[in-house]
Each structure stands twice: as C-alpha cells, then as structure tokens.
C-alpha cells in the first residue's frame, strides 16, 4: 500500500501504464512473483475506477477529492509533515483543518485494506502520507502481520514533539509489527519519541507497546544497480555522454547536481560554493563547468516560486561575473531529464554534488555510483543525506558550510585517477551488494517474520 498506485493513465494510449520510480521497480517483480494487491490513489481527483490489473499486479484504487488533495496532501503532508520531518528547515504549518482530512484519508485506506485482505496476507504500508494506517487496521480488528517503511527522515524528539498530534501519529505507526527506516539515526529518533509520548517501553529496536513487540530496522532503500550498470555499457549511452561533454565545450571537469526543486536540497548553497571556487581559483575559470538540473516541483506553491527565483538569480550572477566567450560557468536546466539523458549526465560528470540540507536517502548518489564502470569520478555527499550512513567512500561535507563545499570541489577536481578509483570501488561494492531487489525481499521477509538482519 502506498499513497499512489504504481500506474498512471496515459491519454495517448487510452490505458493504464506502469509509472517510473524506484519503489515501483522494487516491488513490481516481487508482487508479480508472489501475487498481491497494490492499494493507492490513481492520481486524479474524483471517483476512481474499480479494481483492475496491470502487468500482473492487482490495482485497488482509493479515491481522493479535490479537497482531499488540497488539505490532506498539499496541506498536512507537504505543509506540516514534510518540513517537520526534514528538521523544520522551513517553518511548519500546524492547522487543525489539515489534520482532520489526514485522519479521514488514512482511515479510508485502512478500510479498503481491511475489507480486502485475507488472514494470511502480509500488509506493507509506505511512507509519511499513511502513518495512521497501521493503527487504524488494528482498531478494525486486523490481526495480519503489518510492516511500515518511512522513506523520509524521522526527526529528533525535540522537533517531533512540536506536533500537536504526535501521540496519534506514533500510535498509528506502532500498529505495525515491523517499521523500517532509511538510517539508524531515524530509528533512534523514533524510539525516543515513542517512549516520550506513548506508553511504549524498551530499546528502539524492539519496542513493547500494548502487549505487542514492534521491531524496527535500518533498511536503506536502494536502486536497480545491475540495470544501471548494464545501461551504462551500451554504446548509445557512451556516445550520448561523449556528445554531452562536447556540447559543454570539453571542459577539464564537469560538476553535476540533479535535484527536485525543493528547499531541502541545498541548491543555492551549492551554487554559492561553486561561485566561491571560481573566485578563489582563477586557474579553473574556463576549465570547469557546473550543470545543475532542477526538476520542477509544487510550481503553484509561492515558496517554491521564491526558491526558483533565488536560484536563477545566483546562476545569472555567476555567469555574468565569470562567463567569457566560449565558456558558460553554470548550465542550469529547469526541467526533468528522461532516463537516457540522465544516464548520459551521470556518465559525463567528473564530480557529483549531492548536498541536501536533509534527505531520507537520496538515490541520485547511488545512481551516479552505479554507472561509474571505470571507477572514476567523485561523489561529494552531504552528511545530512541518509546515503551518507552507507556510502563511506564519498567525500562527506556539511552542506551549510559554503567554504567547506568549495574546498571539496577543488580537492575533487585536483584528485588523481588512483584516488578516485580507490574511493569509487568502495562505493560500487556497497551499491552492488545491497540493491533494490534485495531491499524489497528483505523487508517483506521481515514482515513475514522470516528475515535475517539487513546489516
């Protein structure tokens, strides 16, 4: 069960088609092999179709009205939970008229699952939009094994405690038998909040609550690393990467950032670090370029429009101050890239900047590593990205420290191939060993009570 179904309606073909995305790629083969049902919103407001099947997976739609989308999703999920769980980087809005629709939608999802599940079924609930579902299922008399996975960070107790509905959220999550987190720190944070605001007792990994034991795990989501590695070996992909490098003027180094345009991603700090690098290192002017892809997000929200304007001002300032005939320092794209374009950018980039101010995981870091078949390139990674707990071979930075970021860029550009290969081999082994299929299989086995510890 997830907020969205793994399919979307395609007007051109007049049929449902599988959506792209890591979670869909991870769970689709598992559900196809084992059988199962995916419960979620079909992506359009209003009435929903009856249950249907796509690619061998039974799809059970849950309808959301325009009001639900406005108050439940845009309101409570994105205006309250999203900033709160990302360390309250932006002010958190706390509105009762958002909370009540969140409760109603979660109860609706739980009712659909409760009415359609058999006694032997395992139930797996995904992410922050549906945190109340496990608790509602228990209150409806469901005795099945229930798992929950949180894709975003769980904040420290001092931040989570601001939420007026903290007990209700925690009681909802504690309805699960197994709760998976991206990082150990999120697991610890959850345990502290559960003990502080509910009757739960015991260590964070095995909480006791209302006569039940809730197991929590650090199970970071991953990518289909063999698929990325295979695609990077295709002659067409290599040709596209070479062509991109030529289009950028065959610089000595390409620095790449790929992010959804969001205040958690630290794009403006990253650009200021590149500006600092050009100011401090005149020898690099004309020799390096930065490519920043900003994928449009929540375009109707005023704050996101402000973020876009600020980023574009910084890009203009850098290019105006340092650009010269035949050399544009920053190439900025405000659009998404299709899969093969993205692959070409990863393959062409010498330095990958993944520097969010807070992120649950950040799969861009793993995608970059997966395509580096020659073990070259450098990953500069925020210490506040969940991926930093796993990817120890990366250059770890504090994204708030612009000077440190600039120094990391300089060191990455100046590093020799032997240094790069030593670090990249460590990263590639990690990404290859724990891919998205192993992640999904482990999580489902844990819910069923037969899995071994992930780490």
Foldseek 3Di string as FASTA:
>chain_A
DEAEDQWAQDPVVRGIDGHDDFVCVQCVVVCQVPPDEDEHARPDADDDDAWDDDSNHIYGHQHHHPVLCVQLPVNCVVQAVVCLQQVVPDPHDADPSSVVSLVVSLLSSLVVPLVPDDLADEEEYEEDSNLQNLLSNVVVVRPAAYEYEHLWAGDALVSLVVHPCSLSSLSSNVSHQEYEAQAVVSLQRSQVNCVVRHVWDDHSQWIDDPNGTHGYANQHAAAPLVVLQVVLPDPVLVVLLVVVCVVQPVALFEEEEEEAQDQQQLLQLLLVLVLVLCVVCVVCQVRYAYEYEHAYDPVVDPVSVVSVVSNVVSLVVSQVVRNDVPHGRYHYHHHDDPPSNLSSVLQNHQEYERAGQATRADHSQLSSLSSPVVQGHAYEHEPRHSNCVQLVLHNYDHSVDSNRSNVVVVCSSPDDRVSSNVSSVSRNVRNVVRHNNNSSVQSVCVSVVRHDHPD
